[in-house]
Amino acid sequence: MGMELVFMQNLQDEIPNLQELQLNYPDAMIVPQGGYGYIGALGASAIMSLPGVENYNIMMAASGTGTMGAGLIIGARNNQQIILVSVLKNNWSIKEEIKALLPEEKKHENFIIEHRFHLGGYAKKNNLLFETMNRFYQKHGTPTDQVYTGKLVFAFEQLVKEGVFPASSKILLIHSGGMQGNRSLRNNELCFEI
């Protein structure tokens, strides 16, 4: 199909210069780490137009780069609140990074970023996370991943215990995939197929 892969250095050591890449590959579509960007946010905003989403007043999703969160905010109706669960430790810049992706008319939107439920940081795992993932699977038949959606479910359960949500709330947890992150786990840590 004509695809050419260009391998990068470890992104933790050096952030690639995306403008330079675009100059070197003018016909290419450069997708930043985590899909971060306005195009990615527009893609994620389509979730909010799926049939039935209008029936929920609270949407919760895991957040890495903030692209998914920005998309949810873009597509949210006036009566819908967005709660994002940061899976990165000390990711304090995420709110401004999300706002940078929003169109002007949405920059004032009220959304919440929960920073308390990263369970040690990005891709960090522990028994509490595995217990949450297993319990959720046993109750609902829905597998989650250790990097994003397991932490989303953990946050949701904790917020319910804290009484954060009004009794009349209709809450939608958005499963963002990422199941391949579970492949690094030993077979006995989760009660569902990896």
N, C-alpha and C. Protein backbone atom coordinates (compact mmCIF):
# COMPACT_ATOMS: atom_id res chain seq x y z
N MET A 1 0.83 -1.20 0.00
CA MET A 1 0.00 0.00 0.00
C MET A 1 0.87 1.26 0.00
N GLY A 2 2.18 1.11 -0.05
CA GLY A 2 3.07 2.26 -0.15
C GLY A 2 3.46 2.88 1.17
N MET A 3 3.15 2.22 2.27
CA MET A 3 3.50 2.80 3.57
C MET A 3 5.01 2.69 3.80
N GLU A 4 5.56 3.75 4.36
CA GLU A 4 6.96 3.73 4.76
C GLU A 4 7.02 4.05 6.25
N LEU A 5 7.60 3.15 7.02
CA LEU A 5 7.74 3.38 8.45
C LEU A 5 9.07 4.07 8.72
N VAL A 6 9.04 5.12 9.52
CA VAL A 6 10.25 5.82 9.93
C VAL A 6 10.36 5.67 11.43
N PHE A 7 11.35 4.94 11.88
CA PHE A 7 11.50 4.66 13.30
C PHE A 7 12.18 5.83 14.00
N MET A 8 11.67 6.15 15.19
CA MET A 8 12.15 7.30 15.96
C MET A 8 12.98 6.81 17.14
N GLN A 9 13.72 7.73 17.72
CA GLN A 9 14.40 7.46 18.98
C GLN A 9 13.34 7.25 20.05
N ASN A 10 13.75 6.74 21.19
CA ASN A 10 12.84 6.62 22.33
C ASN A 10 12.27 8.01 22.61
N LEU A 11 10.94 8.13 22.57
CA LEU A 11 10.30 9.44 22.70
C LEU A 11 10.49 10.06 24.07
N GLN A 12 10.84 9.24 25.07
CA GLN A 12 11.09 9.83 26.39
C GLN A 12 12.41 10.59 26.41
N ASP A 13 13.32 10.16 25.53
CA ASP A 13 14.63 10.82 25.48
C ASP A 13 14.61 12.06 24.61
N GLU A 14 13.86 11.98 23.52
CA GLU A 14 13.86 13.09 22.57
C GLU A 14 12.51 13.20 21.88
N ILE A 15 11.87 14.33 22.01
CA ILE A 15 10.59 14.56 21.33
C ILE A 15 10.89 14.92 19.88
N PRO A 16 10.29 14.21 18.92
CA PRO A 16 10.58 14.51 17.52
C PRO A 16 10.05 15.88 17.12
N ASN A 17 10.74 16.52 16.23
CA ASN A 17 10.31 17.80 15.68
C ASN A 17 9.32 17.48 14.55
N LEU A 18 8.04 17.64 14.84
CA LEU A 18 7.01 17.25 13.88
C LEU A 18 7.01 18.13 12.64
N GLN A 19 7.37 19.40 12.80
CA GLN A 19 7.42 20.30 11.64
C GLN A 19 8.55 19.88 10.69
N GLU A 20 9.66 19.47 11.26
CA GLU A 20 10.78 18.99 10.44
C GLU A 20 10.39 17.70 9.71
N LEU A 21 9.72 16.81 10.42
CA LEU A 21 9.24 15.58 9.78
C LEU A 21 8.32 15.90 8.62
N GLN A 22 7.41 16.86 8.82
CA GLN A 22 6.47 17.22 7.76
C GLN A 22 7.20 17.78 6.56
N LEU A 23 8.25 18.56 6.80
CA LEU A 23 9.04 19.09 5.68
C LEU A 23 9.73 17.96 4.92
N ASN A 24 10.25 16.97 5.66
CA ASN A 24 10.94 15.84 5.03
C ASN A 24 9.97 14.91 4.29
N TYR A 25 8.72 14.89 4.74
CA TYR A 25 7.70 14.02 4.15
C TYR A 25 6.44 14.84 3.90
N PRO A 26 6.48 15.72 2.88
CA PRO A 26 5.38 16.67 2.68
C PRO A 26 4.03 16.02 2.37
N ASP A 27 4.02 14.83 1.83
CA ASP A 27 2.75 14.18 1.49
C ASP A 27 2.24 13.28 2.61
N ALA A 28 2.97 13.21 3.69
CA ALA A 28 2.60 12.30 4.78
C ALA A 28 1.66 12.99 5.76
N MET A 29 0.86 12.17 6.41
CA MET A 29 0.08 12.66 7.54
C MET A 29 0.85 12.27 8.79
N ILE A 30 1.34 13.24 9.52
CA ILE A 30 2.13 12.99 10.72
C ILE A 30 1.18 12.92 11.90
N VAL A 31 1.19 11.80 12.60
CA VAL A 31 0.33 11.61 13.77
C VAL A 31 1.22 11.69 15.01
N PRO A 32 1.04 12.72 15.82
CA PRO A 32 1.87 12.87 17.02
C PRO A 32 1.62 11.75 18.04
N GLN A 33 2.51 11.65 18.98
CA GLN A 33 2.39 10.66 20.05
C GLN A 33 1.01 10.75 20.70
N GLY A 34 0.36 9.62 20.84
CA GLY A 34 -0.97 9.59 21.46
C GLY A 34 -2.06 10.16 20.57
N GLY A 35 -1.73 10.45 19.30
CA GLY A 35 -2.73 11.01 18.40
C GLY A 35 -3.07 12.45 18.72
N TYR A 36 -2.28 13.10 19.57
CA TYR A 36 -2.59 14.44 20.02
C TYR A 36 -2.74 15.40 18.84
N GLY A 37 -3.83 16.13 18.84
CA GLY A 37 -4.04 17.14 17.82
C GLY A 37 -5.52 17.37 17.57
N TYR A 38 -5.80 18.42 16.84
CA TYR A 38 -7.18 18.80 16.58
C TYR A 38 -7.92 17.76 15.75
N ILE A 39 -7.22 17.14 14.79
CA ILE A 39 -7.87 16.12 13.95
C ILE A 39 -8.26 14.92 14.81
N GLY A 40 -7.37 14.52 15.71
CA GLY A 40 -7.70 13.43 16.63
C GLY A 40 -8.88 13.77 17.52
N ALA A 41 -8.91 15.01 18.00
CA ALA A 41 -10.02 15.46 18.86
C ALA A 41 -11.33 15.45 18.09
N LEU A 42 -11.30 15.89 16.83
CA LEU A 42 -12.52 15.86 16.01
C LEU A 42 -13.00 14.42 15.82
N GLY A 43 -12.06 13.52 15.62
CA GLY A 43 -12.42 12.11 15.50
C GLY A 43 -13.09 11.59 16.76
N ALA A 44 -12.53 11.93 17.91
CA ALA A 44 -13.10 11.50 19.19
C ALA A 44 -14.45 12.15 19.45
N SER A 45 -14.66 13.33 18.91
CA SER A 45 -15.94 14.02 19.14
C SER A 45 -17.11 13.25 18.53
N ALA A 46 -16.84 12.40 17.55
CA ALA A 46 -17.90 11.61 16.92
C ALA A 46 -18.57 10.68 17.92
N ILE A 47 -17.87 10.30 18.98
CA ILE A 47 -18.45 9.45 20.02
C ILE A 47 -19.72 10.10 20.57
N MET A 48 -19.69 11.40 20.70
CA MET A 48 -20.79 12.12 21.33
C MET A 48 -22.04 12.20 20.44
N SER A 49 -21.92 11.80 19.19
CA SER A 49 -23.09 11.80 18.31
C SER A 49 -23.65 10.39 18.08
N LEU A 50 -23.08 9.41 18.77
CA LEU A 50 -23.62 8.05 18.65
C LEU A 50 -25.02 7.98 19.27
N PRO A 51 -25.89 7.15 18.71
CA PRO A 51 -27.25 7.05 19.25
C PRO A 51 -27.24 6.63 20.72
N GLY A 52 -28.01 7.33 21.52
CA GLY A 52 -28.13 7.02 22.94
C GLY A 52 -27.25 7.86 23.85
N VAL A 53 -26.19 8.44 23.32
CA VAL A 53 -25.27 9.23 24.16
C VAL A 53 -25.97 10.44 24.76
N GLU A 54 -26.97 10.94 24.05
CA GLU A 54 -27.70 12.11 24.56
C GLU A 54 -28.45 11.81 25.86
N ASN A 55 -28.62 10.54 26.19
CA ASN A 55 -29.34 10.16 27.41
C ASN A 55 -28.48 10.25 28.67
N TYR A 56 -27.19 10.48 28.52
CA TYR A 56 -26.28 10.53 29.67
C TYR A 56 -25.93 11.98 30.00
N ASN A 57 -25.80 12.26 31.29
CA ASN A 57 -25.42 13.62 31.67
C ASN A 57 -23.97 13.71 32.18
N ILE A 58 -23.34 12.57 32.40
CA ILE A 58 -21.93 12.55 32.80
C ILE A 58 -21.20 11.53 31.94
N MET A 59 -20.10 11.95 31.32
CA MET A 59 -19.25 11.06 30.55
C MET A 59 -17.90 10.99 31.25
N MET A 60 -17.39 9.77 31.38
CA MET A 60 -16.06 9.59 31.98
C MET A 60 -15.18 8.84 30.99
N ALA A 61 -13.92 9.27 30.90
CA ALA A 61 -12.96 8.61 30.02
C ALA A 61 -11.57 8.73 30.64
N ALA A 62 -10.72 7.78 30.30
CA ALA A 62 -9.31 7.86 30.70
C ALA A 62 -8.64 8.92 29.82
N SER A 63 -7.57 9.52 30.35
CA SER A 63 -6.89 10.58 29.61
C SER A 63 -5.39 10.39 29.68
N GLY A 64 -4.77 10.38 28.49
CA GLY A 64 -3.31 10.36 28.39
C GLY A 64 -2.84 11.71 27.86
N THR A 65 -2.95 11.89 26.53
CA THR A 65 -2.56 13.16 25.92
C THR A 65 -3.66 14.21 26.03
N GLY A 66 -4.90 13.77 26.26
CA GLY A 66 -6.02 14.70 26.34
C GLY A 66 -6.81 14.82 25.06
N THR A 67 -6.39 14.12 24.01
CA THR A 67 -7.07 14.22 22.72
C THR A 67 -8.50 13.69 22.81
N MET A 68 -8.68 12.52 23.43
CA MET A 68 -10.02 11.97 23.61
C MET A 68 -10.88 12.94 24.41
N GLY A 69 -10.33 13.46 25.50
CA GLY A 69 -11.07 14.40 26.34
C GLY A 69 -11.50 15.64 25.57
N ALA A 70 -10.60 16.18 24.77
CA ALA A 70 -10.94 17.35 23.97
C ALA A 70 -12.09 17.03 23.02
N GLY A 71 -12.03 15.85 22.42
CA GLY A 71 -13.11 15.45 21.51
C GLY A 71 -14.45 15.33 22.21
N LEU A 72 -14.43 14.76 23.41
CA LEU A 72 -15.68 14.64 24.17
C LEU A 72 -16.24 16.00 24.52
N ILE A 73 -15.37 16.92 24.88
CA ILE A 73 -15.80 18.28 25.22
C ILE A 73 -16.38 18.97 23.98
N ILE A 74 -15.71 18.80 22.84
CA ILE A 74 -16.20 19.41 21.60
C ILE A 74 -17.61 18.91 21.27
N GLY A 75 -17.85 17.62 21.46
CA GLY A 75 -19.13 17.04 21.09
C GLY A 75 -20.19 17.07 22.17
N ALA A 76 -19.84 17.48 23.38
CA ALA A 76 -20.79 17.44 24.50
C ALA A 76 -21.91 18.46 24.33
N ARG A 77 -23.07 18.07 24.81
CA ARG A 77 -24.21 18.98 24.85
C ARG A 77 -24.11 19.83 26.12
N ASN A 78 -24.90 20.87 26.21
CA ASN A 78 -24.82 21.79 27.34
C ASN A 78 -25.10 21.12 28.68
N ASN A 79 -25.90 20.07 28.69
CA ASN A 79 -26.27 19.42 29.95
C ASN A 79 -25.35 18.25 30.31
N GLN A 80 -24.26 18.08 29.56
CA GLN A 80 -23.36 16.95 29.79
C GLN A 80 -22.04 17.40 30.38
N GLN A 81 -21.63 16.70 31.44
CA GLN A 81 -20.36 17.00 32.10
C GLN A 81 -19.34 15.94 31.70
N ILE A 82 -18.11 16.37 31.48
CA ILE A 82 -17.02 15.47 31.11
C ILE A 82 -16.07 15.36 32.31
N ILE A 83 -15.81 14.12 32.72
CA ILE A 83 -14.83 13.84 33.77
C ILE A 83 -13.74 12.97 33.15
N LEU A 84 -12.53 13.45 33.20
CA LEU A 84 -11.39 12.73 32.64
C LEU A 84 -10.50 12.22 33.76
N VAL A 85 -10.01 11.01 33.62
CA VAL A 85 -9.15 10.38 34.61
C VAL A 85 -7.74 10.34 34.03
N SER A 86 -6.85 11.18 34.57
CA SER A 86 -5.48 11.21 34.09
C SER A 86 -4.76 9.93 34.52
N VAL A 87 -4.19 9.23 33.55
CA VAL A 87 -3.47 8.00 33.84
C VAL A 87 -1.98 8.27 34.04
N LEU A 88 -1.58 9.52 33.91
CA LEU A 88 -0.19 9.91 34.12
C LEU A 88 -0.06 10.60 35.46
N LYS A 89 1.01 10.31 36.15
CA LYS A 89 1.28 10.94 37.45
C LYS A 89 1.79 12.37 37.21
N ASN A 90 1.30 13.30 38.01
CA ASN A 90 1.74 14.71 37.95
C ASN A 90 1.55 15.33 36.57
N ASN A 91 0.50 14.99 35.91
CA ASN A 91 0.22 15.51 34.57
C ASN A 91 -0.56 16.82 34.67
N TRP A 92 0.03 17.80 35.32
CA TRP A 92 -0.68 19.04 35.63
C TRP A 92 -0.90 19.92 34.42
N SER A 93 -0.17 19.72 33.34
CA SER A 93 -0.34 20.56 32.15
C SER A 93 -1.49 20.09 31.27
N ILE A 94 -2.11 18.97 31.59
CA ILE A 94 -3.10 18.37 30.71
C ILE A 94 -4.30 19.29 30.44
N LYS A 95 -4.72 20.05 31.42
CA LYS A 95 -5.89 20.92 31.22
C LYS A 95 -5.62 21.94 30.12
N GLU A 96 -4.45 22.55 30.15
CA GLU A 96 -4.11 23.54 29.11
C GLU A 96 -3.89 22.87 27.76
N GLU A 97 -3.36 21.66 27.77
CA GLU A 97 -3.16 20.92 26.52
C GLU A 97 -4.51 20.57 25.89
N ILE A 98 -5.48 20.24 26.72
CA ILE A 98 -6.83 19.97 26.21
C ILE A 98 -7.45 21.26 25.67
N LYS A 99 -7.34 22.33 26.44
CA LYS A 99 -7.92 23.61 25.99
C LYS A 99 -7.31 24.08 24.67
N ALA A 100 -6.04 23.74 24.43
CA ALA A 100 -5.38 24.14 23.18
C ALA A 100 -6.03 23.47 21.97
N LEU A 101 -6.72 22.36 22.18
CA LEU A 101 -7.38 21.64 21.08
C LEU A 101 -8.82 22.07 20.87
N LEU A 102 -9.35 22.86 21.77
CA LEU A 102 -10.77 23.23 21.70
C LEU A 102 -10.98 24.45 20.82
N PRO A 103 -12.07 24.46 20.06
CA PRO A 103 -12.41 25.68 19.32
C PRO A 103 -12.78 26.78 20.32
N GLU A 104 -12.68 27.98 19.90
CA GLU A 104 -12.88 29.13 20.78
C GLU A 104 -14.18 29.05 21.58
N GLU A 105 -15.26 28.63 20.93
CA GLU A 105 -16.56 28.60 21.62
C GLU A 105 -16.64 27.51 22.69
N LYS A 106 -15.67 26.61 22.73
CA LYS A 106 -15.68 25.53 23.73
C LYS A 106 -14.61 25.71 24.81
N LYS A 107 -13.75 26.71 24.67
CA LYS A 107 -12.65 26.89 25.63
C LYS A 107 -13.13 27.19 27.05
N HIS A 108 -14.34 27.70 27.18
CA HIS A 108 -14.89 28.02 28.50
C HIS A 108 -15.54 26.82 29.17
N GLU A 109 -15.66 25.71 28.44
CA GLU A 109 -16.39 24.55 28.94
C GLU A 109 -15.83 24.07 30.28
N ASN A 110 -16.72 23.64 31.11
CA ASN A 110 -16.35 23.13 32.42
C ASN A 110 -16.15 21.62 32.31
N PHE A 111 -14.95 21.18 32.58
CA PHE A 111 -14.68 19.76 32.62
C PHE A 111 -13.75 19.50 33.80
N ILE A 112 -13.77 18.27 34.27
CA ILE A 112 -13.00 17.91 35.45
C ILE A 112 -11.93 16.91 35.04
N ILE A 113 -10.75 17.11 35.58
CA ILE A 113 -9.67 16.13 35.41
C ILE A 113 -9.35 15.59 36.80
N GLU A 114 -9.52 14.30 36.96
CA GLU A 114 -9.18 13.63 38.22
C GLU A 114 -7.74 13.15 38.13
N HIS A 115 -6.91 13.64 39.04
CA HIS A 115 -5.49 13.28 39.05
C HIS A 115 -5.15 12.23 40.11
N ARG A 116 -6.13 11.77 40.86
CA ARG A 116 -5.87 10.90 42.01
C ARG A 116 -5.82 9.42 41.70
N PHE A 117 -6.15 9.00 40.51
CA PHE A 117 -6.38 7.59 40.26
C PHE A 117 -5.41 6.96 39.26
N HIS A 118 -4.22 7.48 39.15
CA HIS A 118 -3.23 6.95 38.20
C HIS A 118 -2.55 5.68 38.72
N LEU A 119 -2.73 5.39 40.02
CA LEU A 119 -2.19 4.18 40.64
C LEU A 119 -0.68 4.02 40.43
N GLY A 120 0.02 5.12 40.53
CA GLY A 120 1.48 5.09 40.43
C GLY A 120 2.05 5.72 39.18
N GLY A 121 1.22 5.93 38.16
CA GLY A 121 1.69 6.57 36.95
C GLY A 121 1.34 5.77 35.70
N TYR A 122 1.79 6.27 34.58
CA TYR A 122 1.47 5.69 33.29
C TYR A 122 1.96 4.24 33.21
N ALA A 123 1.06 3.34 32.88
CA ALA A 123 1.33 1.90 32.73
C ALA A 123 1.79 1.23 34.01
N LYS A 124 1.68 1.91 35.14
CA LYS A 124 1.99 1.28 36.43
C LYS A 124 0.80 0.42 36.83
N LYS A 125 1.09 -0.64 37.51
CA LYS A 125 0.03 -1.57 37.88
C LYS A 125 0.28 -2.09 39.29
N ASN A 126 -0.81 -2.55 39.91
CA ASN A 126 -0.70 -3.15 41.24
C ASN A 126 -1.92 -4.06 41.46
N ASN A 127 -1.93 -4.74 42.59
CA ASN A 127 -3.02 -5.68 42.87
C ASN A 127 -4.38 -4.99 42.94
N LEU A 128 -4.42 -3.76 43.45
CA LEU A 128 -5.69 -3.04 43.52
C LEU A 128 -6.28 -2.84 42.13
N LEU A 129 -5.43 -2.51 41.17
CA LEU A 129 -5.88 -2.35 39.79
C LEU A 129 -6.40 -3.68 39.24
N PHE A 130 -5.65 -4.76 39.45
CA PHE A 130 -6.07 -6.07 38.94
C PHE A 130 -7.37 -6.52 39.59
N GLU A 131 -7.53 -6.28 40.87
CA GLU A 131 -8.78 -6.63 41.56
C GLU A 131 -9.96 -5.88 40.95
N THR A 132 -9.75 -4.60 40.67
CA THR A 132 -10.80 -3.77 40.05
C THR A 132 -11.16 -4.30 38.67
N MET A 133 -10.14 -4.58 37.86
CA MET A 133 -10.37 -5.07 36.50
C MET A 133 -11.10 -6.42 36.52
N ASN A 134 -10.69 -7.32 37.41
CA ASN A 134 -11.32 -8.64 37.50
C ASN A 134 -12.76 -8.53 37.98
N ARG A 135 -12.98 -7.70 38.99
CA ARG A 135 -14.34 -7.52 39.53
C ARG A 135 -15.27 -6.95 38.44
N PHE A 136 -14.78 -5.98 37.72
CA PHE A 136 -15.59 -5.36 36.66
C PHE A 136 -15.92 -6.38 35.57
N TYR A 137 -14.94 -7.18 35.21
CA TYR A 137 -15.18 -8.21 34.19
C TYR A 137 -16.19 -9.24 34.68
N GLN A 138 -16.03 -9.69 35.92
CA GLN A 138 -16.95 -10.69 36.46
C GLN A 138 -18.38 -10.16 36.56
N LYS A 139 -18.52 -8.88 36.84
CA LYS A 139 -19.85 -8.30 36.99
C LYS A 139 -20.48 -7.92 35.64
N HIS A 140 -19.67 -7.41 34.71
CA HIS A 140 -20.23 -6.85 33.47
C HIS A 140 -19.80 -7.58 32.20
N GLY A 141 -18.80 -8.47 32.31
CA GLY A 141 -18.33 -9.18 31.12
C GLY A 141 -17.53 -8.32 30.17
N THR A 142 -17.03 -7.20 30.66
CA THR A 142 -16.27 -6.28 29.82
C THR A 142 -14.82 -6.24 30.30
N PRO A 143 -13.88 -6.67 29.46
CA PRO A 143 -12.48 -6.59 29.85
C PRO A 143 -11.98 -5.14 29.78
N THR A 144 -11.04 -4.83 30.63
CA THR A 144 -10.41 -3.49 30.63
C THR A 144 -8.90 -3.69 30.51
N ASP A 145 -8.18 -2.61 30.31
CA ASP A 145 -6.73 -2.71 30.19
C ASP A 145 -6.06 -2.04 31.37
N GLN A 146 -4.81 -2.41 31.60
CA GLN A 146 -4.07 -1.92 32.76
C GLN A 146 -3.58 -0.48 32.62
N VAL A 147 -3.53 0.05 31.42
CA VAL A 147 -2.97 1.39 31.21
C VAL A 147 -4.05 2.48 31.31
N TYR A 148 -5.21 2.24 30.72
CA TYR A 148 -6.25 3.27 30.64
C TYR A 148 -7.56 2.88 31.32
N THR A 149 -8.26 1.93 30.73
CA THR A 149 -9.65 1.69 31.15
C THR A 149 -9.77 1.05 32.52
N GLY A 150 -8.78 0.28 32.95
CA GLY A 150 -8.80 -0.26 34.31
C GLY A 150 -8.77 0.87 35.33
N LYS A 151 -7.96 1.89 35.05
CA LYS A 151 -7.87 3.04 35.95
C LYS A 151 -9.14 3.89 35.89
N LEU A 152 -9.77 3.92 34.73
CA LEU A 152 -11.06 4.61 34.60
C LEU A 152 -12.10 3.95 35.50
N VAL A 153 -12.18 2.63 35.45
CA VAL A 153 -13.15 1.90 36.28
C VAL A 153 -12.81 2.09 37.76
N PHE A 154 -11.53 2.03 38.10
CA PHE A 154 -11.12 2.26 39.49
C PHE A 154 -11.58 3.63 39.97
N ALA A 155 -11.36 4.66 39.15
CA ALA A 155 -11.77 6.02 39.51
C ALA A 155 -13.28 6.11 39.67
N PHE A 156 -14.01 5.52 38.73
CA PHE A 156 -15.48 5.54 38.80
C PHE A 156 -15.96 4.92 40.11
N GLU A 157 -15.44 3.75 40.45
CA GLU A 157 -15.86 3.09 41.69
C GLU A 157 -15.56 3.94 42.92
N GLN A 158 -14.39 4.57 42.91
CA GLN A 158 -14.02 5.41 44.07
C GLN A 158 -14.93 6.63 44.16
N LEU A 159 -15.22 7.25 43.04
CA LEU A 159 -16.10 8.43 43.04
C LEU A 159 -17.51 8.08 43.49
N VAL A 160 -17.98 6.89 43.12
CA VAL A 160 -19.29 6.42 43.59
C VAL A 160 -19.24 6.27 45.11
N LYS A 161 -18.19 5.64 45.63
CA LYS A 161 -18.05 5.45 47.09
C LYS A 161 -18.01 6.79 47.82
N GLU A 162 -17.39 7.79 47.18
CA GLU A 162 -17.29 9.12 47.79
C GLU A 162 -18.59 9.91 47.69
N GLY A 163 -19.56 9.40 46.97
CA GLY A 163 -20.84 10.09 46.83
C GLY A 163 -20.78 11.31 45.94
N VAL A 164 -19.86 11.33 44.99
CA VAL A 164 -19.67 12.48 44.11
C VAL A 164 -20.85 12.70 43.16
N PHE A 165 -21.46 11.62 42.72
CA PHE A 165 -22.51 11.72 41.71
C PHE A 165 -23.89 11.85 42.35
N PRO A 166 -24.69 12.81 41.89
CA PRO A 166 -26.08 12.89 42.35
C PRO A 166 -26.82 11.59 42.00
N ALA A 167 -27.83 11.25 42.80
CA ALA A 167 -28.57 9.99 42.61
C ALA A 167 -29.21 9.90 41.22
N SER A 168 -29.54 11.01 40.62
CA SER A 168 -30.20 11.00 39.31
C SER A 168 -29.22 10.92 38.14
N SER A 169 -27.93 10.78 38.42
CA SER A 169 -26.92 10.78 37.36
C SER A 169 -27.07 9.60 36.42
N LYS A 170 -26.85 9.88 35.16
CA LYS A 170 -26.74 8.83 34.14
C LYS A 170 -25.33 8.94 33.59
N ILE A 171 -24.50 7.96 33.94
CA ILE A 171 -23.06 8.05 33.69
C ILE A 171 -22.66 7.07 32.59
N LEU A 172 -21.89 7.56 31.64
CA LEU A 172 -21.36 6.74 30.56
C LEU A 172 -19.85 6.65 30.72
N LEU A 173 -19.34 5.42 30.91
CA LEU A 173 -17.90 5.18 30.92
C LEU A 173 -17.49 4.85 29.49
N ILE A 174 -16.52 5.56 28.97
CA ILE A 174 -16.11 5.36 27.59
C ILE A 174 -14.87 4.47 27.56
N HIS A 175 -15.04 3.29 27.00
CA HIS A 175 -13.96 2.32 26.89
C HIS A 175 -13.16 2.66 25.64
N SER A 176 -11.93 3.08 25.82
CA SER A 176 -11.13 3.57 24.71
C SER A 176 -10.22 2.51 24.10
N GLY A 177 -10.43 1.25 24.44
CA GLY A 177 -9.62 0.18 23.85
C GLY A 177 -8.31 0.02 24.60
N GLY A 178 -7.24 -0.19 23.86
CA GLY A 178 -5.92 -0.33 24.48
C GLY A 178 -5.66 -1.69 25.10
N MET A 179 -6.45 -2.68 24.72
CA MET A 179 -6.34 -3.99 25.34
C MET A 179 -4.97 -4.63 25.12
N GLN A 180 -4.25 -4.22 24.08
CA GLN A 180 -2.94 -4.81 23.82
C GLN A 180 -1.96 -4.55 24.96
N GLY A 181 -2.24 -3.56 25.79
CA GLY A 181 -1.38 -3.29 26.94
C GLY A 181 -1.36 -4.43 27.95
N ASN A 182 -2.37 -5.28 27.91
CA ASN A 182 -2.43 -6.41 28.84
C ASN A 182 -1.53 -7.57 28.43
N ARG A 183 -0.99 -7.54 27.23
CA ARG A 183 -0.17 -8.66 26.77
C ARG A 183 1.09 -8.86 27.60
N SER A 184 1.52 -7.83 28.29
CA SER A 184 2.73 -7.95 29.10
C SER A 184 2.47 -8.61 30.45
N LEU A 185 1.22 -8.88 30.76
CA LEU A 185 0.88 -9.45 32.07
C LEU A 185 1.05 -10.96 32.09
N ARG A 186 1.30 -11.48 33.28
CA ARG A 186 1.33 -12.92 33.46
C ARG A 186 -0.09 -13.45 33.33
N ASN A 187 -0.23 -14.69 32.96
CA ASN A 187 -1.56 -15.27 32.69
C ASN A 187 -2.48 -15.30 33.88
N ASN A 188 -1.97 -15.32 35.10
CA ASN A 188 -2.85 -15.47 36.27
C ASN A 188 -3.26 -14.15 36.92
N GLU A 189 -2.88 -13.02 36.36
CA GLU A 189 -3.20 -11.74 36.99
C GLU A 189 -4.63 -11.28 36.68
N LEU A 190 -5.15 -11.70 35.53
CA LEU A 190 -6.51 -11.31 35.14
C LEU A 190 -7.34 -12.56 34.90
N CYS A 191 -8.62 -12.45 35.16
CA CYS A 191 -9.53 -13.60 35.02
C CYS A 191 -10.13 -13.67 33.62
N PHE A 192 -9.65 -12.85 32.69
CA PHE A 192 -10.16 -12.85 31.33
C PHE A 192 -9.01 -12.94 30.35
N GLU A 193 -9.34 -13.29 29.12
CA GLU A 193 -8.32 -13.45 28.08
C GLU A 193 -7.62 -12.13 27.79
N ILE A 194 -6.36 -12.22 27.55
CA ILE A 194 -5.56 -11.03 27.24
C ILE A 194 -5.50 -10.85 25.73
